[in-house]
């Protein structure tokens, strides 16, 4: 799929230089950058505790009722700023 991305002149110059330095096209560098961003920011799967919690039709009866805030704060990326 093709679509347009508008970049300022300074960014285009930097992109051109970096792409030439590593022997890639600008489009390939942009594709790799988007794939990398998605790999770091896309949710892979629900946490196991959450899947167990919602797999139980009566979670309030479970001994280990899930504390949502606890699992959220335990995620390694919780402290990171996302783009």
C-alpha atoms as a PDB file:
ATOM      1  CA  UNK A   1       0.000   0.000   0.000  1.00  0.00           C
ATOM      2  CA  UNK A   2       1.283   3.428  -0.858  1.00  0.00           C
ATOM      3  CA  UNK A   3       0.606   6.659   0.984  1.00  0.00           C
ATOM      4  CA  UNK A   4       2.263  10.038   1.377  1.00  0.00           C
ATOM      5  CA  UNK A   5       4.223  11.299   4.342  1.00  0.00           C
ATOM      6  CA  UNK A   6       5.183  14.953   4.456  1.00  0.00           C
ATOM      7  CA  UNK A   7       8.482  15.739   6.173  1.00  0.00           C
ATOM      8  CA  UNK A   8      10.247  19.040   6.715  1.00  0.00           C
ATOM      9  CA  UNK A   9      13.337  19.802   4.614  1.00  0.00           C
ATOM     10  CA  UNK A  10      15.811  19.225   7.443  1.00  0.00           C
ATOM     11  CA  UNK A  11      14.358  15.775   8.187  1.00  0.00           C
ATOM     12  CA  UNK A  12      14.433  14.840   4.489  1.00  0.00           C
ATOM     13  CA  UNK A  13      18.097  15.892   4.256  1.00  0.00           C
ATOM     14  CA  UNK A  14      18.982  13.854   7.331  1.00  0.00           C
ATOM     15  CA  UNK A  15      17.025  10.882   5.984  1.00  0.00           C
ATOM     16  CA  UNK A  16      18.782  11.102   2.610  1.00  0.00           C
ATOM     17  CA  UNK A  17      22.216  11.171   4.244  1.00  0.00           C
ATOM     18  CA  UNK A  18      21.464   8.311   6.636  1.00  0.00           C
ATOM     19  CA  UNK A  19      19.912   6.138   3.915  1.00  0.00           C
ATOM     20  CA  UNK A  20      22.865   6.713   1.596  1.00  0.00           C
ATOM     21  CA  UNK A  21      25.314   5.942   4.410  1.00  0.00           C
ATOM     22  CA  UNK A  22      23.773   2.509   5.083  1.00  0.00           C
ATOM     23  CA  UNK A  23      22.916   1.734   1.457  1.00  0.00           C
ATOM     24  CA  UNK A  24      19.133   1.680   1.797  1.00  0.00           C
ATOM     25  CA  UNK A  25      16.380   3.596   0.062  1.00  0.00           C
ATOM     26  CA  UNK A  26      14.435   6.249   1.946  1.00  0.00           C
ATOM     27  CA  UNK A  27      11.298   4.134   1.659  1.00  0.00           C
ATOM     28  CA  UNK A  28      13.099   1.155   3.204  1.00  0.00           C
ATOM     29  CA  UNK A  29      14.382   3.264   6.111  1.00  0.00           C
ATOM     30  CA  UNK A  30      10.869   4.613   6.735  1.00  0.00           C
ATOM     31  CA  UNK A  31       9.412   1.087   6.549  1.00  0.00           C
ATOM     32  CA  UNK A  32      11.972  -0.193   9.054  1.00  0.00           C
ATOM     33  CA  UNK A  33      11.296   2.749  11.365  1.00  0.00           C
ATOM     34  CA  UNK A  34       7.541   2.113  11.335  1.00  0.00           C
ATOM     35  CA  UNK A  35       8.033  -1.625  11.902  1.00  0.00           C
ATOM     36  CA  UNK A  36      10.367  -0.906  14.819  1.00  0.00           C
ATOM     37  CA  UNK A  37       7.888   1.556  16.333  1.00  0.00           C
ATOM     38  CA  UNK A  38       5.072  -0.973  16.034  1.00  0.00           C
ATOM     39  CA  UNK A  39       7.205  -3.718  17.590  1.00  0.00           C
ATOM     40  CA  UNK A  40       7.739  -1.518  20.643  1.00  0.00           C
ATOM     41  CA  UNK A  41       4.275   0.000  20.917  1.00  0.00           C
ATOM     42  CA  UNK A  42       1.823  -2.578  19.672  1.00  0.00           C
ATOM     43  CA  UNK A  43       0.196  -4.750  22.328  1.00  0.00           C
ATOM     44  CA  UNK A  44       1.331  -8.334  21.750  1.00  0.00           C
ATOM     45  CA  UNK A  45      -1.139 -10.178  23.930  1.00  0.00           C
ATOM     46  CA  UNK A  46      -3.110  -9.831  27.120  1.00  0.00           C
ATOM     47  CA  UNK A  47      -1.132 -10.471  30.326  1.00  0.00           C
ATOM     48  CA  UNK A  48      -1.592 -14.051  31.573  1.00  0.00           C
ATOM     49  CA  UNK A  49      -3.274 -12.897  34.798  1.00  0.00           C
ATOM     50  CA  UNK A  50      -5.802 -10.903  32.800  1.00  0.00           C
ATOM     51  CA  UNK A  51      -6.544 -13.847  30.504  1.00  0.00           C
ATOM     52  CA  UNK A  52      -7.081 -16.091  33.552  1.00  0.00           C
ATOM     53  CA  UNK A  53      -9.305 -13.471  35.145  1.00  0.00           C
ATOM     54  CA  UNK A  54     -11.599 -13.124  32.141  1.00  0.00           C
ATOM     55  CA  UNK A  55     -11.491 -16.855  31.447  1.00  0.00           C
ATOM     56  CA  UNK A  56     -13.336 -17.395  34.729  1.00  0.00           C
ATOM     57  CA  UNK A  57     -17.098 -16.819  34.299  1.00  0.00           C
ATOM     58  CA  UNK A  58     -17.354 -15.731  37.945  1.00  0.00           C
ATOM     59  CA  UNK A  59     -14.038 -13.951  38.691  1.00  0.00           C
ATOM     60  CA  UNK A  60     -15.343 -12.463  41.939  1.00  0.00           C
ATOM     61  CA  UNK A  61     -15.394 -16.003  43.340  1.00  0.00           C
ATOM     62  CA  UNK A  62     -11.733 -16.649  42.557  1.00  0.00           C
ATOM     63  CA  UNK A  63      -9.261 -16.598  45.424  1.00  0.00           C
ATOM     64  CA  UNK A  64      -6.781 -14.470  43.488  1.00  0.00           C
ATOM     65  CA  UNK A  65      -9.049 -11.739  42.143  1.00  0.00           C
ATOM     66  CA  UNK A  66      -7.045  -9.637  39.743  1.00  0.00           C
ATOM     67  CA  UNK A  67      -5.845  -6.204  40.799  1.00  0.00           C
ATOM     68  CA  UNK A  68      -5.766  -4.410  37.442  1.00  0.00           C
ATOM     69  CA  UNK A  69      -3.624  -1.524  38.624  1.00  0.00           C
ATOM     70  CA  UNK A  70      -0.988  -3.891  39.997  1.00  0.00           C
ATOM     71  CA  UNK A  71      -0.437  -5.663  36.677  1.00  0.00           C
ATOM     72  CA  UNK A  72      -0.474  -2.356  34.780  1.00  0.00           C
ATOM     73  CA  UNK A  73       2.253  -0.856  36.968  1.00  0.00           C
ATOM     74  CA  UNK A  74       4.284  -4.071  36.739  1.00  0.00           C
ATOM     75  CA  UNK A  75       4.604  -3.845  32.949  1.00  0.00           C
ATOM     76  CA  UNK A  76       8.174  -2.922  31.982  1.00  0.00           C
ATOM     77  CA  UNK A  77       7.038  -0.255  29.541  1.00  0.00           C
ATOM     78  CA  UNK A  78       4.788   1.460  32.121  1.00  0.00           C
ATOM     79  CA  UNK A  79       7.547   3.913  32.992  1.00  0.00           C
ATOM     80  CA  UNK A  80       8.556   4.627  29.396  1.00  0.00           C
ATOM     81  CA  UNK A  81       7.261   7.533  27.407  1.00  0.00           C
ATOM     82  CA  UNK A  82       5.701   6.407  24.145  1.00  0.00           C
ATOM     83  CA  UNK A  83       5.905   8.330  20.899  1.00  0.00           C
END
